[in-house]
Amino acid sequence: MEYLPHNFSEVFTFVTCKRNRIPLNLFLLLCFNVLLAPAVQAATPVELSRSASYAIALLGLVTLSLCVYLFVVIFQPEKF
């Protein structure tokens, strides 16, 4: 257990660091997918495998994030 931080100030500095945004975003996306996949599996009327429900949930999250990104790019083009 030596790899765990002894205090949480190290964790907060890691999260707020600018260069670590992509791994943190991917981690949060996967955590949200873990929460969303059982809901997708429960909402379908047919029997889905666990991997198929995770894939559908991930596809939905990617589609939603792409829609938000394109919405921001269309209405604020001077930032890009």
N, C-alpha and C. Protein backbone atom coordinates (compact mmCIF):
# COMPACT_ATOMS: atom_id res chain seq x y z
N MET A 1 0.82 -1.20 0.00
CA MET A 1 0.00 0.00 0.00
C MET A 1 0.86 1.26 0.00
N GLU A 2 2.08 1.15 -0.43
CA GLU A 2 2.97 2.31 -0.46
C GLU A 2 2.62 3.28 -1.58
N TYR A 3 1.90 2.83 -2.58
CA TYR A 3 1.59 3.68 -3.72
C TYR A 3 0.42 4.60 -3.45
N LEU A 4 -0.33 4.42 -2.38
CA LEU A 4 -1.43 5.31 -2.04
C LEU A 4 -0.89 6.55 -1.33
N PRO A 5 -1.48 7.72 -1.61
CA PRO A 5 -1.00 8.94 -0.94
C PRO A 5 -1.36 8.92 0.55
N HIS A 6 -0.49 9.50 1.34
CA HIS A 6 -0.72 9.54 2.78
C HIS A 6 -1.74 10.61 3.16
N ASN A 7 -1.78 11.67 2.41
CA ASN A 7 -2.80 12.69 2.65
C ASN A 7 -3.46 13.04 1.31
N PHE A 8 -4.62 13.61 1.40
CA PHE A 8 -5.38 13.87 0.18
C PHE A 8 -4.97 15.16 -0.52
N SER A 9 -4.06 15.92 0.02
CA SER A 9 -3.60 17.12 -0.68
C SER A 9 -2.86 16.73 -1.96
N GLU A 10 -2.17 15.58 -1.95
CA GLU A 10 -1.51 15.11 -3.16
C GLU A 10 -2.53 14.75 -4.24
N VAL A 11 -3.64 14.20 -3.84
CA VAL A 11 -4.69 13.84 -4.79
C VAL A 11 -5.28 15.10 -5.40
N PHE A 12 -5.54 16.11 -4.59
CA PHE A 12 -6.13 17.35 -5.09
C PHE A 12 -5.17 18.10 -6.01
N THR A 13 -3.88 18.06 -5.73
CA THR A 13 -2.92 18.70 -6.63
C THR A 13 -2.83 17.93 -7.95
N PHE A 14 -2.98 16.62 -7.90
CA PHE A 14 -2.99 15.83 -9.14
C PHE A 14 -4.21 16.14 -9.99
N VAL A 15 -5.36 16.31 -9.34
CA VAL A 15 -6.60 16.58 -10.08
C VAL A 15 -6.58 17.97 -10.69
N THR A 16 -6.04 18.95 -9.98
CA THR A 16 -6.06 20.32 -10.47
C THR A 16 -4.93 20.64 -11.44
N CYS A 17 -4.00 19.74 -11.63
CA CYS A 17 -2.89 19.97 -12.55
C CYS A 17 -3.41 19.99 -13.98
N LYS A 18 -2.95 20.95 -14.78
CA LYS A 18 -3.43 21.12 -16.15
C LYS A 18 -3.02 19.97 -17.07
N ARG A 19 -1.87 19.38 -16.85
CA ARG A 19 -1.38 18.36 -17.78
C ARG A 19 -2.03 17.00 -17.57
N ASN A 20 -2.81 16.83 -16.53
CA ASN A 20 -3.44 15.54 -16.25
C ASN A 20 -4.93 15.54 -16.54
N ARG A 21 -5.40 16.37 -17.42
CA ARG A 21 -6.83 16.47 -17.69
C ARG A 21 -7.36 15.27 -18.48
N ILE A 22 -6.64 14.80 -19.46
CA ILE A 22 -7.13 13.71 -20.31
C ILE A 22 -7.26 12.40 -19.53
N PRO A 23 -6.27 11.97 -18.77
CA PRO A 23 -6.47 10.73 -18.00
C PRO A 23 -7.60 10.85 -16.97
N LEU A 24 -7.73 12.02 -16.37
CA LEU A 24 -8.80 12.21 -15.40
C LEU A 24 -10.16 12.17 -16.07
N ASN A 25 -10.27 12.79 -17.23
CA ASN A 25 -11.54 12.76 -17.96
C ASN A 25 -11.89 11.34 -18.41
N LEU A 26 -10.91 10.59 -18.86
CA LEU A 26 -11.17 9.21 -19.26
C LEU A 26 -11.59 8.36 -18.08
N PHE A 27 -10.96 8.58 -16.93
CA PHE A 27 -11.34 7.85 -15.73
C PHE A 27 -12.78 8.17 -15.32
N LEU A 28 -13.14 9.44 -15.35
CA LEU A 28 -14.50 9.83 -15.00
C LEU A 28 -15.52 9.28 -16.00
N LEU A 29 -15.15 9.24 -17.28
CA LEU A 29 -16.03 8.68 -18.29
C LEU A 29 -16.27 7.18 -18.04
N LEU A 30 -15.23 6.46 -17.71
CA LEU A 30 -15.38 5.04 -17.43
C LEU A 30 -16.18 4.79 -16.15
N CYS A 31 -16.00 5.64 -15.14
CA CYS A 31 -16.79 5.50 -13.91
C CYS A 31 -18.27 5.76 -14.19
N PHE A 32 -18.55 6.77 -15.01
CA PHE A 32 -19.94 7.05 -15.36
C PHE A 32 -20.53 5.93 -16.19
N ASN A 33 -19.69 5.31 -17.03
CA ASN A 33 -20.15 4.19 -17.84
C ASN A 33 -20.50 2.99 -16.96
N VAL A 34 -19.74 2.78 -15.90
CA VAL A 34 -20.04 1.69 -14.99
C VAL A 34 -21.40 1.91 -14.32
N LEU A 35 -21.73 3.15 -14.05
CA LEU A 35 -23.03 3.45 -13.45
C LEU A 35 -24.17 3.40 -14.47
N LEU A 36 -23.87 3.71 -15.72
CA LEU A 36 -24.91 3.81 -16.74
C LEU A 36 -25.22 2.47 -17.41
N ALA A 37 -24.26 1.58 -17.51
CA ALA A 37 -24.45 0.31 -18.22
C ALA A 37 -25.53 -0.58 -17.61
N PRO A 38 -25.63 -0.72 -16.29
CA PRO A 38 -26.75 -1.52 -15.76
C PRO A 38 -28.12 -0.93 -16.06
N ALA A 39 -28.20 0.39 -16.14
CA ALA A 39 -29.47 1.02 -16.50
C ALA A 39 -29.83 0.71 -17.95
N VAL A 40 -28.83 0.69 -18.82
CA VAL A 40 -29.06 0.33 -20.22
C VAL A 40 -29.50 -1.12 -20.32
N GLN A 41 -28.86 -1.98 -19.56
CA GLN A 41 -29.19 -3.40 -19.59
C GLN A 41 -30.60 -3.64 -19.05
N ALA A 42 -31.01 -2.88 -18.05
CA ALA A 42 -32.35 -3.04 -17.49
C ALA A 42 -33.43 -2.45 -18.38
N ALA A 43 -33.08 -1.46 -19.19
CA ALA A 43 -34.08 -0.78 -20.02
C ALA A 43 -34.37 -1.52 -21.32
N THR A 44 -33.52 -2.43 -21.72
CA THR A 44 -33.76 -3.13 -22.98
C THR A 44 -34.72 -4.30 -22.77
N PRO A 45 -35.63 -4.52 -23.71
CA PRO A 45 -36.61 -5.59 -23.53
C PRO A 45 -36.03 -6.98 -23.81
N VAL A 46 -34.93 -7.05 -24.53
CA VAL A 46 -34.32 -8.36 -24.82
C VAL A 46 -33.10 -8.57 -23.94
N GLU A 47 -32.64 -9.79 -23.89
CA GLU A 47 -31.47 -10.13 -23.07
C GLU A 47 -30.21 -9.63 -23.76
N LEU A 48 -29.46 -8.76 -23.08
CA LEU A 48 -28.19 -8.25 -23.59
C LEU A 48 -27.05 -8.79 -22.73
N SER A 49 -25.94 -9.03 -23.38
CA SER A 49 -24.76 -9.41 -22.60
C SER A 49 -24.21 -8.17 -21.90
N ARG A 50 -23.39 -8.42 -20.91
CA ARG A 50 -22.82 -7.30 -20.15
C ARG A 50 -21.92 -6.43 -21.03
N SER A 51 -21.15 -7.05 -21.89
CA SER A 51 -20.26 -6.27 -22.76
C SER A 51 -21.05 -5.44 -23.76
N ALA A 52 -22.16 -5.97 -24.25
CA ALA A 52 -22.99 -5.19 -25.18
C ALA A 52 -23.62 -3.99 -24.48
N SER A 53 -24.05 -4.16 -23.24
CA SER A 53 -24.65 -3.02 -22.53
C SER A 53 -23.60 -1.96 -22.23
N TYR A 54 -22.36 -2.39 -21.89
CA TYR A 54 -21.29 -1.41 -21.68
C TYR A 54 -20.96 -0.69 -22.99
N ALA A 55 -20.96 -1.40 -24.09
CA ALA A 55 -20.66 -0.77 -25.38
C ALA A 55 -21.74 0.22 -25.78
N ILE A 56 -23.00 -0.11 -25.55
CA ILE A 56 -24.08 0.81 -25.88
C ILE A 56 -24.03 2.05 -24.99
N ALA A 57 -23.75 1.85 -23.71
CA ALA A 57 -23.64 3.00 -22.80
C ALA A 57 -22.46 3.89 -23.18
N LEU A 58 -21.34 3.29 -23.54
CA LEU A 58 -20.18 4.07 -23.96
C LEU A 58 -20.46 4.82 -25.26
N LEU A 59 -21.15 4.19 -26.18
CA LEU A 59 -21.52 4.85 -27.42
C LEU A 59 -22.44 6.03 -27.15
N GLY A 60 -23.37 5.88 -26.23
CA GLY A 60 -24.25 6.99 -25.87
C GLY A 60 -23.49 8.13 -25.23
N LEU A 61 -22.53 7.82 -24.36
CA LEU A 61 -21.73 8.87 -23.72
C LEU A 61 -20.86 9.61 -24.73
N VAL A 62 -20.27 8.88 -25.65
CA VAL A 62 -19.44 9.51 -26.67
C VAL A 62 -20.29 10.39 -27.58
N THR A 63 -21.48 9.92 -27.94
CA THR A 63 -22.38 10.72 -28.78
C THR A 63 -22.81 11.98 -28.06
N LEU A 64 -23.14 11.87 -26.80
CA LEU A 64 -23.55 13.04 -26.02
C LEU A 64 -22.41 14.04 -25.88
N SER A 65 -21.20 13.56 -25.60
CA SER A 65 -20.07 14.47 -25.47
C SER A 65 -19.72 15.13 -26.80
N LEU A 66 -19.86 14.42 -27.90
CA LEU A 66 -19.62 15.01 -29.22
C LEU A 66 -20.67 16.07 -29.53
N CYS A 67 -21.92 15.84 -29.16
CA CYS A 67 -22.97 16.85 -29.36
C CYS A 67 -22.69 18.11 -28.56
N VAL A 68 -22.27 17.95 -27.33
CA VAL A 68 -21.95 19.12 -26.50
C VAL A 68 -20.76 19.87 -27.07
N TYR A 69 -19.74 19.16 -27.50
CA TYR A 69 -18.57 19.80 -28.09
C TYR A 69 -18.94 20.58 -29.35
N LEU A 70 -19.71 19.97 -30.23
CA LEU A 70 -20.11 20.66 -31.46
C LEU A 70 -21.01 21.85 -31.17
N PHE A 71 -21.87 21.76 -30.18
CA PHE A 71 -22.71 22.88 -29.79
C PHE A 71 -21.84 24.05 -29.32
N VAL A 72 -20.82 23.77 -28.53
CA VAL A 72 -19.93 24.83 -28.06
C VAL A 72 -19.13 25.42 -29.21
N VAL A 73 -18.65 24.58 -30.12
CA VAL A 73 -17.87 25.06 -31.26
C VAL A 73 -18.71 25.93 -32.18
N ILE A 74 -19.97 25.58 -32.38
CA ILE A 74 -20.82 26.37 -33.26
C ILE A 74 -21.13 27.73 -32.66
N PHE A 75 -21.40 27.80 -31.37
CA PHE A 75 -21.82 29.05 -30.77
C PHE A 75 -20.68 29.88 -30.19
N GLN A 76 -19.48 29.32 -30.06
CA GLN A 76 -18.32 30.07 -29.61
C GLN A 76 -17.12 29.74 -30.50
N PRO A 77 -17.17 30.08 -31.78
CA PRO A 77 -16.07 29.68 -32.68
C PRO A 77 -14.78 30.43 -32.44
N GLU A 78 -14.81 31.59 -31.78
CA GLU A 78 -13.58 32.35 -31.58
C GLU A 78 -12.65 31.68 -30.58
N LYS A 79 -13.14 30.77 -29.76
CA LYS A 79 -12.27 30.04 -28.83
C LYS A 79 -11.48 28.94 -29.53
N PHE A 80 -11.94 28.52 -30.70
CA PHE A 80 -11.28 27.44 -31.41
C PHE A 80 -10.67 27.99 -32.67
